[in-house]
Amino acid sequence: MAIPSSMAISRIKGTYTLDAETVRVLNALAKRWGTSKSDVLRRAIRVAAAGLEPPGATVLDQLQGRVALTNAAAGRWAAAVRTERRTR
């Protein structure tokens, strides 16, 4: 999507502490891409936000998929657990 040059883009300044290796990589990417370090950070954040789920959620989804538990079976299991807890 092209943004007309007459539109203002709001920017918020922020201060972040980065380790030396991250700064080295940030500088190298900015030089390679011919852009500012801020632009490199914006691009990286957008890419990360667009395609990543929290790693734990992905692993949990995979495990649940392998079990192939139906809604009916899950309901029976939950009822059995509730019954067992009441009898203790």
N, C-alpha and C. Protein backbone atom coordinates (compact mmCIF):
# COMPACT_ATOMS: atom_id res chain seq x y z
N MET A 1 0.84 -1.17 0.00
CA MET A 1 0.00 0.00 0.00
C MET A 1 0.89 1.24 0.00
N ALA A 2 0.67 2.11 -0.93
CA ALA A 2 1.45 3.35 -0.99
C ALA A 2 0.81 4.40 -0.10
N ILE A 3 1.63 5.14 0.59
CA ILE A 3 1.14 6.22 1.44
C ILE A 3 1.50 7.53 0.77
N PRO A 4 0.49 8.36 0.49
CA PRO A 4 0.78 9.65 -0.14
C PRO A 4 1.76 10.45 0.71
N SER A 5 2.63 11.16 0.05
CA SER A 5 3.67 11.90 0.77
C SER A 5 3.11 13.02 1.62
N SER A 6 1.87 13.42 1.38
CA SER A 6 1.30 14.51 2.17
C SER A 6 0.78 14.02 3.53
N MET A 7 0.69 12.70 3.71
CA MET A 7 0.19 12.17 4.99
C MET A 7 1.33 12.12 6.00
N ALA A 8 1.02 12.57 7.20
CA ALA A 8 2.02 12.51 8.27
C ALA A 8 1.98 11.15 8.93
N ILE A 9 3.14 10.61 9.23
CA ILE A 9 3.22 9.34 9.94
C ILE A 9 3.69 9.65 11.35
N SER A 10 2.85 9.30 12.33
CA SER A 10 3.24 9.61 13.70
C SER A 10 4.33 8.65 14.15
N ARG A 11 5.26 9.16 14.89
CA ARG A 11 6.37 8.35 15.39
C ARG A 11 6.54 8.66 16.87
N ILE A 12 6.88 7.64 17.61
CA ILE A 12 7.10 7.78 19.04
C ILE A 12 8.53 7.34 19.32
N LYS A 13 9.28 8.21 19.96
CA LYS A 13 10.66 7.86 20.30
C LYS A 13 10.66 6.92 21.50
N GLY A 14 11.56 5.96 21.46
CA GLY A 14 11.67 5.01 22.57
C GLY A 14 13.13 4.74 22.86
N THR A 15 13.41 4.33 24.07
CA THR A 15 14.76 3.99 24.47
C THR A 15 14.79 2.53 24.87
N TYR A 16 15.70 1.77 24.27
CA TYR A 16 15.81 0.34 24.53
C TYR A 16 17.27 -0.01 24.76
N THR A 17 17.51 -0.99 25.58
CA THR A 17 18.86 -1.46 25.84
C THR A 17 19.07 -2.76 25.08
N LEU A 18 20.08 -2.78 24.23
CA LEU A 18 20.38 -3.95 23.41
C LEU A 18 21.79 -4.44 23.73
N ASP A 19 21.99 -5.74 23.63
CA ASP A 19 23.33 -6.28 23.84
C ASP A 19 24.19 -5.96 22.61
N ALA A 20 25.50 -6.10 22.77
CA ALA A 20 26.44 -5.71 21.72
C ALA A 20 26.22 -6.47 20.42
N GLU A 21 25.95 -7.77 20.50
CA GLU A 21 25.74 -8.57 19.29
C GLU A 21 24.50 -8.12 18.53
N THR A 22 23.43 -7.80 19.25
CA THR A 22 22.21 -7.32 18.59
C THR A 22 22.46 -5.99 17.90
N VAL A 23 23.22 -5.12 18.54
CA VAL A 23 23.55 -3.82 17.93
C VAL A 23 24.39 -4.03 16.68
N ARG A 24 25.33 -4.98 16.73
CA ARG A 24 26.16 -5.27 15.56
C ARG A 24 25.29 -5.74 14.40
N VAL A 25 24.36 -6.65 14.68
CA VAL A 25 23.48 -7.16 13.63
C VAL A 25 22.56 -6.05 13.12
N LEU A 26 22.04 -5.23 14.03
CA LEU A 26 21.18 -4.11 13.64
C LEU A 26 21.91 -3.16 12.71
N ASN A 27 23.13 -2.80 13.05
CA ASN A 27 23.93 -1.92 12.20
C ASN A 27 24.21 -2.55 10.84
N ALA A 28 24.54 -3.83 10.84
CA ALA A 28 24.83 -4.53 9.57
C ALA A 28 23.60 -4.57 8.67
N LEU A 29 22.43 -4.85 9.25
CA LEU A 29 21.21 -4.88 8.45
C LEU A 29 20.87 -3.50 7.90
N ALA A 30 21.02 -2.49 8.72
CA ALA A 30 20.73 -1.12 8.26
C ALA A 30 21.64 -0.75 7.09
N LYS A 31 22.91 -1.12 7.19
CA LYS A 31 23.85 -0.82 6.10
C LYS A 31 23.51 -1.62 4.85
N ARG A 32 23.23 -2.93 5.02
CA ARG A 32 22.92 -3.79 3.88
C ARG A 32 21.65 -3.34 3.17
N TRP A 33 20.63 -2.96 3.95
CA TRP A 33 19.35 -2.57 3.36
C TRP A 33 19.31 -1.10 2.95
N GLY A 34 20.35 -0.35 3.33
CA GLY A 34 20.39 1.07 2.97
C GLY A 34 19.29 1.88 3.65
N THR A 35 19.06 1.59 4.91
CA THR A 35 17.99 2.27 5.64
C THR A 35 18.44 2.54 7.07
N SER A 36 17.58 3.16 7.84
CA SER A 36 17.93 3.49 9.22
C SER A 36 17.76 2.28 10.14
N LYS A 37 18.40 2.37 11.30
CA LYS A 37 18.23 1.31 12.29
C LYS A 37 16.78 1.25 12.77
N SER A 38 16.15 2.40 12.87
CA SER A 38 14.74 2.43 13.27
C SER A 38 13.88 1.67 12.27
N ASP A 39 14.17 1.85 10.98
CA ASP A 39 13.41 1.15 9.96
C ASP A 39 13.64 -0.36 10.04
N VAL A 40 14.87 -0.77 10.31
CA VAL A 40 15.16 -2.20 10.47
C VAL A 40 14.34 -2.76 11.62
N LEU A 41 14.30 -2.05 12.74
CA LEU A 41 13.51 -2.51 13.89
C LEU A 41 12.02 -2.58 13.55
N ARG A 42 11.50 -1.56 12.86
CA ARG A 42 10.08 -1.57 12.47
C ARG A 42 9.77 -2.78 11.60
N ARG A 43 10.63 -3.04 10.61
CA ARG A 43 10.41 -4.19 9.71
C ARG A 43 10.44 -5.50 10.49
N ALA A 44 11.42 -5.65 11.37
CA ALA A 44 11.55 -6.89 12.14
C ALA A 44 10.34 -7.11 13.04
N ILE A 45 9.86 -6.05 13.66
CA ILE A 45 8.70 -6.16 14.54
C ILE A 45 7.46 -6.54 13.74
N ARG A 46 7.28 -5.94 12.57
CA ARG A 46 6.11 -6.27 11.74
C ARG A 46 6.15 -7.72 11.28
N VAL A 47 7.32 -8.19 10.86
CA VAL A 47 7.45 -9.59 10.42
C VAL A 47 7.15 -10.53 11.59
N ALA A 48 7.70 -10.23 12.75
CA ALA A 48 7.48 -11.08 13.92
C ALA A 48 6.00 -11.09 14.32
N ALA A 49 5.36 -9.94 14.28
CA ALA A 49 3.96 -9.86 14.68
C ALA A 49 3.03 -10.54 13.68
N ALA A 50 3.41 -10.56 12.42
CA ALA A 50 2.54 -11.10 11.38
C ALA A 50 2.49 -12.62 11.38
N GLY A 51 3.55 -13.28 11.79
CA GLY A 51 3.56 -14.71 11.58
C GLY A 51 3.85 -15.60 12.75
N LEU A 52 3.96 -15.06 13.93
CA LEU A 52 4.37 -15.92 15.04
C LEU A 52 3.29 -16.05 16.10
N GLU A 53 3.09 -17.28 16.54
CA GLU A 53 2.30 -17.54 17.73
C GLU A 53 3.29 -17.76 18.85
N PRO A 54 2.84 -17.61 20.07
CA PRO A 54 3.76 -17.96 21.16
C PRO A 54 4.18 -19.41 21.01
N PRO A 55 5.46 -19.74 21.18
CA PRO A 55 5.94 -21.10 20.96
C PRO A 55 5.16 -22.14 21.76
N GLY A 56 4.78 -21.83 22.97
CA GLY A 56 4.03 -22.78 23.78
C GLY A 56 2.70 -23.14 23.16
N ALA A 57 2.03 -22.16 22.56
CA ALA A 57 0.73 -22.43 21.95
C ALA A 57 0.89 -23.37 20.77
N THR A 58 1.93 -23.20 19.99
CA THR A 58 2.16 -24.07 18.84
C THR A 58 2.42 -25.51 19.30
N VAL A 59 3.24 -25.67 20.30
CA VAL A 59 3.55 -27.00 20.81
C VAL A 59 2.29 -27.64 21.38
N LEU A 60 1.52 -26.86 22.14
CA LEU A 60 0.28 -27.39 22.71
C LEU A 60 -0.69 -27.81 21.60
N ASP A 61 -0.82 -27.00 20.56
CA ASP A 61 -1.69 -27.35 19.43
C ASP A 61 -1.24 -28.67 18.80
N GLN A 62 0.06 -28.85 18.63
CA GLN A 62 0.58 -30.08 18.03
C GLN A 62 0.28 -31.29 18.91
N LEU A 63 0.48 -31.15 20.21
CA LEU A 63 0.21 -32.26 21.12
C LEU A 63 -1.28 -32.61 21.12
N GLN A 64 -2.12 -31.59 21.17
CA GLN A 64 -3.56 -31.85 21.17
C GLN A 64 -4.00 -32.49 19.87
N GLY A 65 -3.38 -32.12 18.77
CA GLY A 65 -3.72 -32.72 17.48
C GLY A 65 -3.35 -34.19 17.42
N ARG A 66 -2.26 -34.56 18.05
CA ARG A 66 -1.82 -35.96 18.04
C ARG A 66 -2.71 -36.86 18.88
N VAL A 67 -3.32 -36.29 19.92
CA VAL A 67 -4.20 -37.07 20.78
C VAL A 67 -5.51 -37.39 20.07
N ALA A 68 -5.94 -36.53 19.18
CA ALA A 68 -7.19 -36.70 18.42
C ALA A 68 -8.37 -36.89 19.36
N LEU A 69 -8.48 -36.04 20.36
CA LEU A 69 -9.54 -36.10 21.34
C LEU A 69 -10.78 -35.40 20.80
N THR A 70 -11.89 -36.11 20.76
CA THR A 70 -13.13 -35.50 20.27
C THR A 70 -13.76 -34.67 21.39
N ASN A 71 -14.67 -33.77 21.01
CA ASN A 71 -15.37 -32.96 22.02
C ASN A 71 -16.16 -33.85 22.98
N ALA A 72 -16.78 -34.89 22.44
CA ALA A 72 -17.56 -35.80 23.29
C ALA A 72 -16.66 -36.51 24.30
N ALA A 73 -15.53 -37.00 23.84
CA ALA A 73 -14.60 -37.69 24.74
C ALA A 73 -14.04 -36.73 25.78
N ALA A 74 -13.75 -35.51 25.37
CA ALA A 74 -13.25 -34.51 26.31
C ALA A 74 -14.31 -34.21 27.37
N GLY A 75 -15.56 -34.12 26.95
CA GLY A 75 -16.65 -33.88 27.89
C GLY A 75 -16.79 -35.01 28.90
N ARG A 76 -16.68 -36.25 28.42
CA ARG A 76 -16.75 -37.40 29.33
C ARG A 76 -15.59 -37.39 30.32
N TRP A 77 -14.41 -37.07 29.82
CA TRP A 77 -13.23 -37.01 30.69
C TRP A 77 -13.41 -35.93 31.76
N ALA A 78 -13.88 -34.74 31.36
CA ALA A 78 -14.07 -33.65 32.32
C ALA A 78 -15.11 -34.03 33.37
N ALA A 79 -16.19 -34.69 32.96
CA ALA A 79 -17.22 -35.12 33.91
C ALA A 79 -16.65 -36.13 34.89
N ALA A 80 -15.84 -37.06 34.39
CA ALA A 80 -15.24 -38.07 35.26
C ALA A 80 -14.29 -37.43 36.28
N VAL A 81 -13.54 -36.43 35.85
CA VAL A 81 -12.62 -35.74 36.75
C VAL A 81 -13.40 -35.00 37.82
N ARG A 82 -14.48 -34.32 37.43
CA ARG A 82 -15.31 -33.60 38.41
C ARG A 82 -15.88 -34.57 39.44
N THR A 83 -16.38 -35.70 38.97
CA THR A 83 -16.94 -36.71 39.88
C THR A 83 -15.87 -37.22 40.84
N GLU A 84 -14.70 -37.51 40.31
CA GLU A 84 -13.60 -38.00 41.16
C GLU A 84 -13.22 -36.97 42.21
N ARG A 85 -13.19 -35.71 41.85
CA ARG A 85 -12.81 -34.66 42.81
C ARG A 85 -13.84 -34.52 43.92
N ARG A 86 -15.11 -34.70 43.58
CA ARG A 86 -16.17 -34.59 44.58
C ARG A 86 -16.11 -35.73 45.60
N THR A 87 -15.64 -36.88 45.17
CA THR A 87 -15.62 -38.05 46.05
C THR A 87 -14.42 -38.07 46.98
N ARG A 88 -13.49 -37.21 46.79
CA ARG A 88 -12.28 -37.19 47.64
C ARG A 88 -12.52 -36.45 48.92
